[in-house]
Amino acid sequence: MNTDRYWAANVRLVLVLLAIWFAVSYGAGILFVDVLDRVTLPGTGVPLGFWFAQQGSIYVFVVLIFVYVVRMNRLDRAFGGGGDE
């Protein structure tokens, strides 16, 4: 197993996922909240910017955890690791 390539891929994946989370939590919850507040969630009347600031970034974080698990399982199989030998 080429550990340097494995860890480079692992770190790259983590950085991409953290960048997505940052963009959603900081961008949608703080920077673009005024623009997003012009839209309300159907059936609730809750402004979209408020929703992202309060709950949306948490949901995105949970989804990113699942994405990380799936991608790391693929990465482990690709590099012959995973601890199932």
Protein backbone atom coordinates (compact mmCIF):
# COMPACT_ATOMS: atom_id res chain seq x y z
CA MET A 1 0.00 0.00 0.00
CA ASN A 2 1.34 3.41 -0.99
CA THR A 3 0.71 5.34 2.21
CA ASP A 4 1.81 8.71 0.84
CA ARG A 5 -0.76 8.60 -1.97
CA TYR A 6 -3.40 7.24 0.41
CA TRP A 7 -2.94 10.04 2.93
CA ALA A 8 -2.75 12.68 0.20
CA ALA A 9 -6.11 11.47 -1.12
CA ASN A 10 -7.51 11.35 2.41
CA VAL A 11 -6.41 14.90 3.23
CA ARG A 12 -7.68 16.17 -0.13
CA LEU A 13 -11.10 14.60 0.56
CA VAL A 14 -11.26 16.12 4.05
CA LEU A 15 -10.32 19.57 2.74
CA VAL A 16 -12.96 19.44 0.01
CA LEU A 17 -15.66 18.37 2.45
CA LEU A 18 -14.65 21.04 4.97
CA ALA A 19 -14.70 23.67 2.21
CA ILE A 20 -18.24 22.62 1.28
CA TRP A 21 -19.33 22.77 4.91
CA PHE A 22 -17.70 26.18 5.35
CA ALA A 23 -19.36 27.52 2.20
CA VAL A 24 -22.77 26.32 3.36
CA SER A 25 -22.51 27.32 7.01
CA TYR A 26 -20.67 30.61 6.60
CA GLY A 27 -21.87 31.53 3.12
CA ALA A 28 -25.52 30.57 3.30
CA GLY A 29 -25.89 31.22 7.02
CA ILE A 30 -24.07 34.55 7.25
CA LEU A 31 -22.90 36.12 3.98
CA PHE A 32 -25.90 35.45 1.76
CA VAL A 33 -28.59 35.39 4.44
CA ASP A 34 -30.28 38.56 3.19
CA VAL A 35 -30.57 37.22 -0.35
CA LEU A 36 -31.74 33.81 0.85
CA ASP A 37 -34.30 35.35 3.21
CA ARG A 38 -36.24 36.57 0.17
CA VAL A 39 -37.25 32.92 -0.31
CA THR A 40 -39.33 31.07 2.25
CA LEU A 41 -39.58 27.34 2.77
CA PRO A 42 -42.86 26.13 1.27
CA GLY A 43 -45.59 25.48 3.80
CA THR A 44 -43.65 26.96 6.71
CA GLY A 45 -43.04 30.62 5.96
CA VAL A 46 -39.52 30.26 7.39
CA PRO A 47 -36.96 32.39 5.54
CA LEU A 48 -34.37 30.22 3.77
CA GLY A 49 -31.38 32.16 5.14
CA PHE A 50 -32.62 31.70 8.70
CA TRP A 51 -33.17 27.99 8.07
CA PHE A 52 -29.60 27.55 6.76
CA ALA A 53 -28.20 29.42 9.74
CA GLN A 54 -30.18 27.37 12.25
CA GLN A 55 -30.51 23.89 10.75
CA GLY A 56 -29.37 23.70 7.15
CA SER A 57 -25.67 23.66 7.88
CA ILE A 58 -26.19 20.88 10.44
CA TYR A 59 -28.03 18.76 7.86
CA VAL A 60 -25.29 19.40 5.33
CA PHE A 61 -22.68 18.37 7.92
CA VAL A 62 -24.48 15.07 8.57
CA VAL A 63 -24.71 14.38 4.83
CA LEU A 64 -20.99 15.15 4.47
CA ILE A 65 -20.23 12.60 7.20
CA PHE A 66 -22.00 9.93 5.16
CA VAL A 67 -20.20 11.06 2.00
CA TYR A 68 -16.90 10.81 3.87
CA VAL A 69 -17.67 7.27 5.03
CA VAL A 70 -18.58 6.10 1.52
CA ARG A 71 -15.58 7.77 -0.11
CA MET A 72 -13.15 6.50 2.54
CA ASN A 73 -14.44 2.95 2.11
CA ARG A 74 -13.76 3.25 -1.63
CA LEU A 75 -10.34 4.73 -0.94
CA ASP A 76 -9.50 1.93 1.48
CA ARG A 77 -10.49 -0.69 -1.08
CA ALA A 78 -8.55 1.07 -3.83
CA PHE A 79 -5.37 1.11 -1.75
CA GLY A 80 -5.82 -2.39 -0.38
CA GLY A 81 -6.51 -1.35 3.19
CA GLY A 82 -9.57 -1.25 5.33
CA GLY A 83 -8.60 -3.70 8.00
CA ASP A 84 -10.66 -6.56 6.59
CA GLU A 85 -7.75 -8.75 5.57
